[in-house]
Amino acid sequence: MTDLEIAQNYSAALDSVDLINAGKPSDMSDDDWTDTLARNKEHLTIMLAKDYWTNEDLSSLTAAAA
């Protein structure tokens, strides 16, 4: 992985963190929110398992994936 690819993956993971932390949008059904949460938490779990991380702070990814 290049530094750029790692940075892009980290940014995408932080997007999932932001979405999870923002909470359910008022115009989203409970079922859709449950699905959205599950998909984004799974994304974070997959990303946390990668072995290419260098000095990125993964604490917010870990917290949001829990």
C-alpha atoms as a PDB file:
ATOM      1  CA  MET A   1       0.000   0.000   0.000  1.00  0.00           C
ATOM      2  CA  THR A   2       1.203   3.478  -0.816  1.00  0.00           C
ATOM      3  CA  ASP A   3       1.016   6.314   1.685  1.00  0.00           C
ATOM      4  CA  LEU A   4      -1.747   7.839  -0.444  1.00  0.00           C
ATOM      5  CA  GLU A   5      -3.797   4.625  -0.417  1.00  0.00           C
ATOM      6  CA  ILE A   6      -3.409   4.319   3.341  1.00  0.00           C
ATOM      7  CA  ALA A   7      -4.522   7.937   3.762  1.00  0.00           C
ATOM      8  CA  GLN A   8      -7.565   7.336   1.537  1.00  0.00           C
ATOM      9  CA  ASN A   9      -8.529   4.229   3.506  1.00  0.00           C
ATOM     10  CA  TYR A  10      -8.097   6.083   6.779  1.00  0.00           C
ATOM     11  CA  SER A  11     -10.271   8.922   5.486  1.00  0.00           C
ATOM     12  CA  ALA A  12     -12.973   6.467   4.410  1.00  0.00           C
ATOM     13  CA  ALA A  13     -12.877   4.826   7.831  1.00  0.00           C
ATOM     14  CA  LEU A  14     -13.222   8.226   9.492  1.00  0.00           C
ATOM     15  CA  ASP A  15     -16.285   8.859   7.311  1.00  0.00           C
ATOM     16  CA  SER A  16     -17.846   5.758   8.860  1.00  0.00           C
ATOM     17  CA  VAL A  17     -16.916   7.012  12.333  1.00  0.00           C
ATOM     18  CA  ASP A  18     -18.526  10.385  11.594  1.00  0.00           C
ATOM     19  CA  LEU A  19     -21.688   8.762  10.278  1.00  0.00           C
ATOM     20  CA  ILE A  20     -22.004   6.491  13.321  1.00  0.00           C
ATOM     21  CA  ASN A  21     -21.307   9.329  15.752  1.00  0.00           C
ATOM     22  CA  ALA A  22     -23.813  11.651  14.056  1.00  0.00           C
ATOM     23  CA  GLY A  23     -26.667   9.312  14.923  1.00  0.00           C
ATOM     24  CA  LYS A  24     -29.795   8.427  13.018  1.00  0.00           C
ATOM     25  CA  PRO A  25     -31.009  11.095  10.600  1.00  0.00           C
ATOM     26  CA  SER A  26     -34.572  12.164  11.298  1.00  0.00           C
ATOM     27  CA  ASP A  27     -35.706  11.141   7.818  1.00  0.00           C
ATOM     28  CA  MET A  28     -34.300   7.588   8.050  1.00  0.00           C
ATOM     29  CA  SER A  29     -36.344   4.615   9.175  1.00  0.00           C
ATOM     30  CA  ASP A  30     -35.207   2.592  12.159  1.00  0.00           C
ATOM     31  CA  ASP A  31     -34.641  -0.456   9.938  1.00  0.00           C
ATOM     32  CA  ASP A  32     -32.495   1.535   7.499  1.00  0.00           C
ATOM     33  CA  TRP A  33     -30.493   2.991  10.380  1.00  0.00           C
ATOM     34  CA  THR A  34     -29.907  -0.461  11.857  1.00  0.00           C
ATOM     35  CA  ASP A  35     -28.642  -1.648   8.465  1.00  0.00           C
ATOM     36  CA  THR A  36     -26.480   1.445   7.998  1.00  0.00           C
ATOM     37  CA  LEU A  37     -24.937   1.039  11.438  1.00  0.00           C
ATOM     38  CA  ALA A  38     -24.197  -2.637  10.847  1.00  0.00           C
ATOM     39  CA  ARG A  39     -22.547  -1.978   7.468  1.00  0.00           C
ATOM     40  CA  ASN A  40     -20.382   0.855   8.795  1.00  0.00           C
ATOM     41  CA  LYS A  41     -19.346  -1.045  11.925  1.00  0.00           C
ATOM     42  CA  GLU A  42     -18.403  -4.026   9.742  1.00  0.00           C
ATOM     43  CA  HIS A  43     -16.379  -1.684   7.531  1.00  0.00           C
ATOM     44  CA  LEU A  44     -14.496  -0.433  10.584  1.00  0.00           C
ATOM     45  CA  THR A  45     -13.885  -3.959  11.849  1.00  0.00           C
ATOM     46  CA  ILE A  46     -12.406  -4.904   8.474  1.00  0.00           C
ATOM     47  CA  MET A  47     -10.265  -1.777   8.366  1.00  0.00           C
ATOM     48  CA  LEU A  48      -8.971  -2.307  11.915  1.00  0.00           C
ATOM     49  CA  ALA A  49      -7.772  -5.778  10.913  1.00  0.00           C
ATOM     50  CA  LYS A  50      -5.480  -4.355   8.217  1.00  0.00           C
ATOM     51  CA  ASP A  51      -1.767  -4.542   8.954  1.00  0.00           C
ATOM     52  CA  TYR A  52      -0.623  -1.521   6.974  1.00  0.00           C
ATOM     53  CA  TRP A  53      -1.438   1.195   9.490  1.00  0.00           C
ATOM     54  CA  THR A  54       1.541   3.301  10.510  1.00  0.00           C
ATOM     55  CA  ASN A  55       1.014   6.297  12.813  1.00  0.00           C
ATOM     56  CA  GLU A  56      -2.745   6.778  12.317  1.00  0.00           C
ATOM     57  CA  ASP A  57      -4.816   7.158  15.478  1.00  0.00           C
ATOM     58  CA  LEU A  58      -7.208   4.206  15.347  1.00  0.00           C
ATOM     59  CA  SER A  59      -8.902   4.894  18.692  1.00  0.00           C
ATOM     60  CA  SER A  60     -11.969   6.549  17.157  1.00  0.00           C
ATOM     61  CA  LEU A  61     -12.331   3.631  14.710  1.00  0.00           C
ATOM     62  CA  THR A  62     -12.146   1.153  17.579  1.00  0.00           C
ATOM     63  CA  ALA A  63     -14.695   3.063  19.644  1.00  0.00           C
ATOM     64  CA  ALA A  64     -17.176   3.439  16.775  1.00  0.00           C
ATOM     65  CA  ALA A  65     -16.846  -0.220  15.773  1.00  0.00           C
ATOM     66  CA  ALA A  66     -17.794  -1.407  19.275  1.00  0.00           C
END
